[in-house]
Amino acid sequence: DITLERVRAFVFHPFRESIAGKTPKEILKVEVLRWHPDKFDSFIGPKVRDEDWEKTKEAAGLVARWLTTLM
């Protein structure tokens, strides 16, 4: 399940090198842009099988909403 706690744990995980030296606000800003539905659809969409697209898009939308909540 994609929960707020799991999204928070992933986004702020200390082993993610890309977040080193960034504030939580800076991290969230990057992640919100990454998971934005329009950007996600255009970047990830072509890489997902058609039969998996709806579930993938639904999951990405949930992650985007949790990230917005964290802001």
PDB file of N, CA and C in Angstrom:
ATOM      1  N   ASP A   1       0.824  -1.193   0.000  1.00  0.00           N
ATOM      2  CA  ASP A   1       0.000   0.000   0.000  1.00  0.00           C
ATOM      3  C   ASP A   1       0.867   1.256   0.000  1.00  0.00           C
ATOM      4  N   ILE A   2       0.405   2.257  -0.677  1.00  0.00           N
ATOM      5  CA  ILE A   2       1.114   3.537  -0.725  1.00  0.00           C
ATOM      6  C   ILE A   2       0.488   4.441   0.328  1.00  0.00           C
ATOM      7  N   THR A   3       1.213   4.610   1.411  1.00  0.00           N
ATOM      8  CA  THR A   3       0.713   5.424   2.515  1.00  0.00           C
ATOM      9  C   THR A   3       1.570   6.674   2.664  1.00  0.00           C
ATOM     10  N   LEU A   4       1.045   7.630   3.405  1.00  0.00           N
ATOM     11  CA  LEU A   4       1.806   8.855   3.678  1.00  0.00           C
ATOM     12  C   LEU A   4       3.124   8.519   4.362  1.00  0.00           C
ATOM     13  N   GLU A   5       3.087   7.619   5.311  1.00  0.00           N
ATOM     14  CA  GLU A   5       4.300   7.259   6.050  1.00  0.00           C
ATOM     15  C   GLU A   5       5.349   6.622   5.143  1.00  0.00           C
ATOM     16  N   ARG A   6       4.911   5.781   4.221  1.00  0.00           N
ATOM     17  CA  ARG A   6       5.860   5.129   3.308  1.00  0.00           C
ATOM     18  C   ARG A   6       6.447   6.115   2.303  1.00  0.00           C
ATOM     19  N   VAL A   7       5.620   7.012   1.820  1.00  0.00           N
ATOM     20  CA  VAL A   7       6.133   8.036   0.897  1.00  0.00           C
ATOM     21  C   VAL A   7       7.146   8.913   1.626  1.00  0.00           C
ATOM     22  N   ARG A   8       6.818   9.330   2.841  1.00  0.00           N
ATOM     23  CA  ARG A   8       7.736  10.154   3.636  1.00  0.00           C
ATOM     24  C   ARG A   8       9.060   9.416   3.870  1.00  0.00           C
ATOM     25  N   ALA A   9       8.976   8.148   4.248  1.00  0.00           N
ATOM     26  CA  ALA A   9      10.185   7.355   4.508  1.00  0.00           C
ATOM     27  C   ALA A   9      11.053   7.246   3.256  1.00  0.00           C
ATOM     28  N   PHE A  10      10.431   7.051   2.105  1.00  0.00           N
ATOM     29  CA  PHE A  10      11.195   6.939   0.868  1.00  0.00           C
ATOM     30  C   PHE A  10      11.834   8.273   0.476  1.00  0.00           C
ATOM     31  N   VAL A  11      11.040   9.318   0.476  1.00  0.00           N
ATOM     32  CA  VAL A  11      11.513  10.623   0.005  1.00  0.00           C
ATOM     33  C   VAL A  11      12.675  11.139   0.864  1.00  0.00           C
ATOM     34  N   PHE A  12      12.588  10.912   2.158  1.00  0.00           N
ATOM     35  CA  PHE A  12      13.618  11.434   3.063  1.00  0.00           C
ATOM     36  C   PHE A  12      14.622  10.378   3.522  1.00  0.00           C
ATOM     37  N   HIS A  13      14.665   9.242   2.824  1.00  0.00           N
ATOM     38  CA  HIS A  13      15.592   8.174   3.218  1.00  0.00           C
ATOM     39  C   HIS A  13      17.026   8.683   3.139  1.00  0.00           C
ATOM     40  N   PRO A  14      17.814   8.470   4.196  1.00  0.00           N
ATOM     41  CA  PRO A  14      19.178   9.024   4.234  1.00  0.00           C
ATOM     42  C   PRO A  14      20.130   8.447   3.184  1.00  0.00           C
ATOM     43  N   PHE A  15      19.817   7.319   2.599  1.00  0.00           N
ATOM     44  CA  PHE A  15      20.700   6.734   1.582  1.00  0.00           C
ATOM     45  C   PHE A  15      20.461   7.281   0.184  1.00  0.00           C
ATOM     46  N   ARG A  16      19.476   8.166   0.027  1.00  0.00           N
ATOM     47  CA  ARG A  16      19.239   8.784  -1.280  1.00  0.00           C
ATOM     48  C   ARG A  16      20.258   9.909  -1.460  1.00  0.00           C
ATOM     49  N   GLU A  17      21.216   9.674  -2.309  1.00  0.00           N
ATOM     50  CA  GLU A  17      22.293  10.642  -2.522  1.00  0.00           C
ATOM     51  C   GLU A  17      21.790  11.966  -3.080  1.00  0.00           C
ATOM     52  N   SER A  18      20.709  11.921  -3.819  1.00  0.00           N
ATOM     53  CA  SER A  18      20.202  13.135  -4.469  1.00  0.00           C
ATOM     54  C   SER A  18      19.655  14.158  -3.474  1.00  0.00           C
ATOM     55  N   ILE A  19      19.433  13.774  -2.224  1.00  0.00           N
ATOM     56  CA  ILE A  19      18.879  14.720  -1.258  1.00  0.00           C
ATOM     57  C   ILE A  19      19.933  15.309  -0.326  1.00  0.00           C
ATOM     58  N   ALA A  20      21.153  14.871  -0.473  1.00  0.00           N
ATOM     59  CA  ALA A  20      22.215  15.341   0.420  1.00  0.00           C
ATOM     60  C   ALA A  20      22.337  16.864   0.364  1.00  0.00           C
ATOM     61  N   GLY A  21      22.317  17.480   1.528  1.00  0.00           N
ATOM     62  CA  GLY A  21      22.510  18.918   1.627  1.00  0.00           C
ATOM     63  C   GLY A  21      21.279  19.750   1.300  1.00  0.00           C
ATOM     64  N   LYS A  22      20.149  19.111   1.040  1.00  0.00           N
ATOM     65  CA  LYS A  22      18.938  19.853   0.684  1.00  0.00           C
ATOM     66  C   LYS A  22      17.996  19.913   1.883  1.00  0.00           C
ATOM     67  N   THR A  23      17.226  20.972   1.936  1.00  0.00           N
ATOM     68  CA  THR A  23      16.223  21.107   2.985  1.00  0.00           C
ATOM     69  C   THR A  23      15.016  20.234   2.619  1.00  0.00           C
ATOM     70  N   PRO A  24      14.201  19.891   3.611  1.00  0.00           N
ATOM     71  CA  PRO A  24      12.989  19.131   3.291  1.00  0.00           C
ATOM     72  C   PRO A  24      12.118  19.830   2.241  1.00  0.00           C
ATOM     73  N   LYS A  25      12.023  21.132   2.310  1.00  0.00           N
ATOM     74  CA  LYS A  25      11.221  21.875   1.338  1.00  0.00           C
ATOM     75  C   LYS A  25      11.800  21.724  -0.074  1.00  0.00           C
ATOM     76  N   GLU A  26      13.111  21.801  -0.205  1.00  0.00           N
ATOM     77  CA  GLU A  26      13.756  21.638  -1.512  1.00  0.00           C
ATOM     78  C   GLU A  26      13.533  20.228  -2.058  1.00  0.00           C
ATOM     79  N   ILE A  27      13.634  19.246  -1.183  1.00  0.00           N
ATOM     80  CA  ILE A  27      13.425  17.851  -1.587  1.00  0.00           C
ATOM     81  C   ILE A  27      11.998  17.655  -2.087  1.00  0.00           C
ATOM     82  N   LEU A  28      11.051  18.155  -1.324  1.00  0.00           N
ATOM     83  CA  LEU A  28       9.650  17.995  -1.705  1.00  0.00           C
ATOM     84  C   LEU A  28       9.327  18.704  -3.013  1.00  0.00           C
ATOM     85  N   LYS A  29       9.923  19.860  -3.227  1.00  0.00           N
ATOM     86  CA  LYS A  29       9.669  20.597  -4.469  1.00  0.00           C
ATOM     87  C   LYS A  29      10.103  19.759  -5.681  1.00  0.00           C
ATOM     88  N   VAL A  30      11.276  19.162  -5.600  1.00  0.00           N
ATOM     89  CA  VAL A  30      11.777  18.317  -6.693  1.00  0.00           C
ATOM     90  C   VAL A  30      10.872  17.103  -6.895  1.00  0.00           C
ATOM     91  N   GLU A  31      10.480  16.486  -5.797  1.00  0.00           N
ATOM     92  CA  GLU A  31       9.654  15.282  -5.891  1.00  0.00           C
ATOM     93  C   GLU A  31       8.251  15.589  -6.422  1.00  0.00           C
ATOM     94  N   VAL A  32       7.676  16.703  -6.000  1.00  0.00           N
ATOM     95  CA  VAL A  32       6.350  17.081  -6.506  1.00  0.00           C
ATOM     96  C   VAL A  32       6.410  17.271  -8.019  1.00  0.00           C
ATOM     97  N   LEU A  33       7.449  17.898  -8.505  1.00  0.00           N
ATOM     98  CA  LEU A  33       7.599  18.067  -9.952  1.00  0.00           C
ATOM     99  C   LEU A  33       7.800  16.727 -10.648  1.00  0.00           C
ATOM    100  N   ARG A  34       8.587  15.864 -10.052  1.00  0.00           N
ATOM    101  CA  ARG A  34       8.860  14.551 -10.644  1.00  0.00           C
ATOM    102  C   ARG A  34       7.590  13.713 -10.757  1.00  0.00           C
ATOM    103  N   TRP A  35       6.746  13.767  -9.742  1.00  0.00           N
ATOM    104  CA  TRP A  35       5.551  12.934  -9.697  1.00  0.00           C
ATOM    105  C   TRP A  35       4.308  13.639 -10.234  1.00  0.00           C
ATOM    106  N   HIS A  36       4.439  14.854 -10.719  1.00  0.00           N
ATOM    107  CA  HIS A  36       3.289  15.575 -11.270  1.00  0.00           C
ATOM    108  C   HIS A  36       2.696  14.735 -12.403  1.00  0.00           C
ATOM    109  N   PRO A  37       1.374  14.591 -12.430  1.00  0.00           N
ATOM    110  CA  PRO A  37       0.753  13.714 -13.438  1.00  0.00           C
ATOM    111  C   PRO A  37       1.164  13.991 -14.881  1.00  0.00           C
ATOM    112  N   ASP A  38       1.246  15.239 -15.287  1.00  0.00           N
ATOM    113  CA  ASP A  38       1.627  15.535 -16.675  1.00  0.00           C
ATOM    114  C   ASP A  38       3.046  15.077 -16.976  1.00  0.00           C
ATOM    115  N   LYS A  39       3.952  15.375 -16.088  1.00  0.00           N
ATOM    116  CA  LYS A  39       5.347  14.986 -16.282  1.00  0.00           C
ATOM    117  C   LYS A  39       5.484  13.464 -16.216  1.00  0.00           C
ATOM    118  N   PHE A  40       4.812  12.861 -15.241  1.00  0.00           N
ATOM    119  CA  PHE A  40       4.868  11.411 -15.088  1.00  0.00           C
ATOM    120  C   PHE A  40       4.334  10.717 -16.341  1.00  0.00           C
ATOM    121  N   ASP A  41       3.199  11.188 -16.819  1.00  0.00           N
ATOM    122  CA  ASP A  41       2.595  10.574 -18.003  1.00  0.00           C
ATOM    123  C   ASP A  41       3.523  10.617 -19.210  1.00  0.00           C
ATOM    124  N   SER A  42       4.163  11.749 -19.419  1.00  0.00           N
ATOM    125  CA  SER A  42       5.000  11.881 -20.610  1.00  0.00           C
ATOM    126  C   SER A  42       6.339  11.163 -20.482  1.00  0.00           C
ATOM    127  N   PHE A  43       6.874  11.074 -19.260  1.00  0.00           N
ATOM    128  CA  PHE A  43       8.186  10.452 -19.079  1.00  0.00           C
ATOM    129  C   PHE A  43       8.080   8.951 -18.831  1.00  0.00           C
ATOM    130  N   ILE A  44       7.179   8.553 -17.970  1.00  0.00           N
ATOM    131  CA  ILE A  44       7.065   7.147 -17.586  1.00  0.00           C
ATOM    132  C   ILE A  44       6.081   6.390 -18.476  1.00  0.00           C
ATOM    133  N   GLY A  45       5.037   7.068 -18.920  1.00  0.00           N
ATOM    134  CA  GLY A  45       4.007   6.419 -19.719  1.00  0.00           C
ATOM    135  C   GLY A  45       4.512   5.524 -20.835  1.00  0.00           C
ATOM    136  N   PRO A  46       5.427   6.005 -21.658  1.00  0.00           N
ATOM    137  CA  PRO A  46       5.907   5.167 -22.760  1.00  0.00           C
ATOM    138  C   PRO A  46       6.666   3.913 -22.312  1.00  0.00           C
ATOM    139  N   LYS A  47       7.073   3.867 -21.053  1.00  0.00           N
ATOM    140  CA  LYS A  47       7.857   2.736 -20.551  1.00  0.00           C
ATOM    141  C   LYS A  47       6.992   1.664 -19.884  1.00  0.00           C
ATOM    142  N   VAL A  48       5.700   1.937 -19.743  1.00  0.00           N
ATOM    143  CA  VAL A  48       4.798   1.031 -19.038  1.00  0.00           C
ATOM    144  C   VAL A  48       3.926   0.284 -20.055  1.00  0.00           C
ATOM    145  N   ARG A  49       3.748  -1.009 -19.807  1.00  0.00           N
ATOM    146  CA  ARG A  49       2.883  -1.794 -20.685  1.00  0.00           C
ATOM    147  C   ARG A  49       1.458  -1.262 -20.608  1.00  0.00           C
ATOM    148  N   ASP A  50       0.762  -1.310 -21.716  1.00  0.00           N
ATOM    149  CA  ASP A  50      -0.611  -0.795 -21.780  1.00  0.00           C
ATOM    150  C   ASP A  50      -1.506  -1.391 -20.704  1.00  0.00           C
ATOM    151  N   GLU A  51      -1.372  -2.688 -20.471  1.00  0.00           N
ATOM    152  CA  GLU A  51      -2.242  -3.351 -19.497  1.00  0.00           C
ATOM    153  C   GLU A  51      -1.942  -2.935 -18.047  1.00  0.00           C
ATOM    154  N   ASP A  52      -0.785  -2.326 -17.814  1.00  0.00           N
ATOM    155  CA  ASP A  52      -0.406  -1.874 -16.472  1.00  0.00           C
ATOM    156  C   ASP A  52      -0.574  -0.368 -16.284  1.00  0.00           C
ATOM    157  N   TRP A  53      -0.933   0.338 -17.338  1.00  0.00           N
ATOM    158  CA  TRP A  53      -0.926   1.798 -17.302  1.00  0.00           C
ATOM    159  C   TRP A  53      -1.899   2.374 -16.274  1.00  0.00           C
ATOM    160  N   GLU A  54      -3.118   1.898 -16.223  1.00  0.00           N
ATOM    161  CA  GLU A  54      -4.110   2.482 -15.316  1.00  0.00           C
ATOM    162  C   GLU A  54      -3.688   2.344 -13.852  1.00  0.00           C
ATOM    163  N   LYS A  55      -3.207   1.166 -13.472  1.00  0.00           N
ATOM    164  CA  LYS A  55      -2.762   0.963 -12.084  1.00  0.00           C
ATOM    165  C   LYS A  55      -1.535   1.823 -11.777  1.00  0.00           C
ATOM    166  N   THR A  56      -0.646   1.933 -12.744  1.00  0.00           N
ATOM    167  CA  THR A  56       0.561   2.739 -12.558  1.00  0.00           C
ATOM    168  C   THR A  56       0.193   4.201 -12.403  1.00  0.00           C
ATOM    169  N   LYS A  57      -0.693   4.682 -13.243  1.00  0.00           N
ATOM    170  CA  LYS A  57      -1.117   6.083 -13.182  1.00  0.00           C
ATOM    171  C   LYS A  57      -1.843   6.374 -11.868  1.00  0.00           C
ATOM    172  N   GLU A  58      -2.653   5.451 -11.419  1.00  0.00           N
ATOM    173  CA  GLU A  58      -3.361   5.612 -10.148  1.00  0.00           C
ATOM    174  C   GLU A  58      -2.372   5.693  -8.981  1.00  0.00           C
ATOM    175  N   ALA A  59      -1.371   4.819  -8.990  1.00  0.00           N
ATOM    176  CA  ALA A  59      -0.368   4.816  -7.927  1.00  0.00           C
ATOM    177  C   ALA A  59       0.446   6.110  -7.940  1.00  0.00           C
ATOM    178  N   ALA A  60       0.821   6.570  -9.115  1.00  0.00           N
ATOM    179  CA  ALA A  60       1.587   7.808  -9.230  1.00  0.00           C
ATOM    180  C   ALA A  60       0.773   8.998  -8.737  1.00  0.00           C
ATOM    181  N   GLY A  61      -0.519   9.000  -9.030  1.00  0.00           N
ATOM    182  CA  GLY A  61      -1.385  10.071  -8.556  1.00  0.00           C
ATOM    183  C   GLY A  61      -1.469  10.093  -7.044  1.00  0.00           C
ATOM    184  N   LEU A  62      -1.494   8.914  -6.444  1.00  0.00           N
ATOM    185  CA  LEU A  62      -1.528   8.822  -4.988  1.00  0.00           C
ATOM    186  C   LEU A  62      -0.225   9.353  -4.388  1.00  0.00           C
ATOM    187  N   VAL A  63       0.900   8.984  -4.981  1.00  0.00           N
ATOM    188  CA  VAL A  63       2.184   9.505  -4.507  1.00  0.00           C
ATOM    189  C   VAL A  63       2.200  11.027  -4.618  1.00  0.00           C
ATOM    190  N   ALA A  64       1.731  11.562  -5.723  1.00  0.00           N
ATOM    191  CA  ALA A  64       1.701  13.017  -5.919  1.00  0.00           C
ATOM    192  C   ALA A  64       0.849  13.688  -4.850  1.00  0.00           C
ATOM    193  N   ARG A  65      -0.288  13.107  -4.528  1.00  0.00           N
ATOM    194  CA  ARG A  65      -1.150  13.694  -3.486  1.00  0.00           C
ATOM    195  C   ARG A  65      -0.490  13.645  -2.120  1.00  0.00           C
ATOM    196  N   TRP A  66       0.180  12.543  -1.797  1.00  0.00           N
ATOM    197  CA  TRP A  66       0.880  12.460  -0.503  1.00  0.00           C
ATOM    198  C   TRP A  66       2.006  13.483  -0.441  1.00  0.00           C
ATOM    199  N   LEU A  67       2.709  13.661  -1.539  1.00  0.00           N
ATOM    200  CA  LEU A  67       3.803  14.650  -1.549  1.00  0.00           C
ATOM    201  C   LEU A  67       3.253  16.059  -1.322  1.00  0.00           C
ATOM    202  N   THR A  68       2.123  16.351  -1.929  1.00  0.00           N
ATOM    203  CA  THR A  68       1.496  17.645  -1.729  1.00  0.00           C
ATOM    204  C   THR A  68       1.090  17.808  -0.269  1.00  0.00           C
ATOM    205  N   THR A  69       0.604  16.767   0.338  1.00  0.00           N
ATOM    206  CA  THR A  69       0.243  16.788   1.755  1.00  0.00           C
ATOM    207  C   THR A  69       1.465  17.089   2.619  1.00  0.00           C
ATOM    208  N   LEU A  70       2.600  16.520   2.255  1.00  0.00           N
ATOM    209  CA  LEU A  70       3.828  16.720   3.028  1.00  0.00           C
ATOM    210  C   LEU A  70       4.348  18.157   2.948  1.00  0.00           C
ATOM    211  N   MET A  71       3.995  18.855   1.870  1.00  0.00           N
ATOM    212  CA  MET A  71       4.474  20.217   1.719  1.00  0.00           C
ATOM    213  C   MET A  71       3.800  21.104   2.756  1.00  0.00           C
TER     214      MET A  71
END
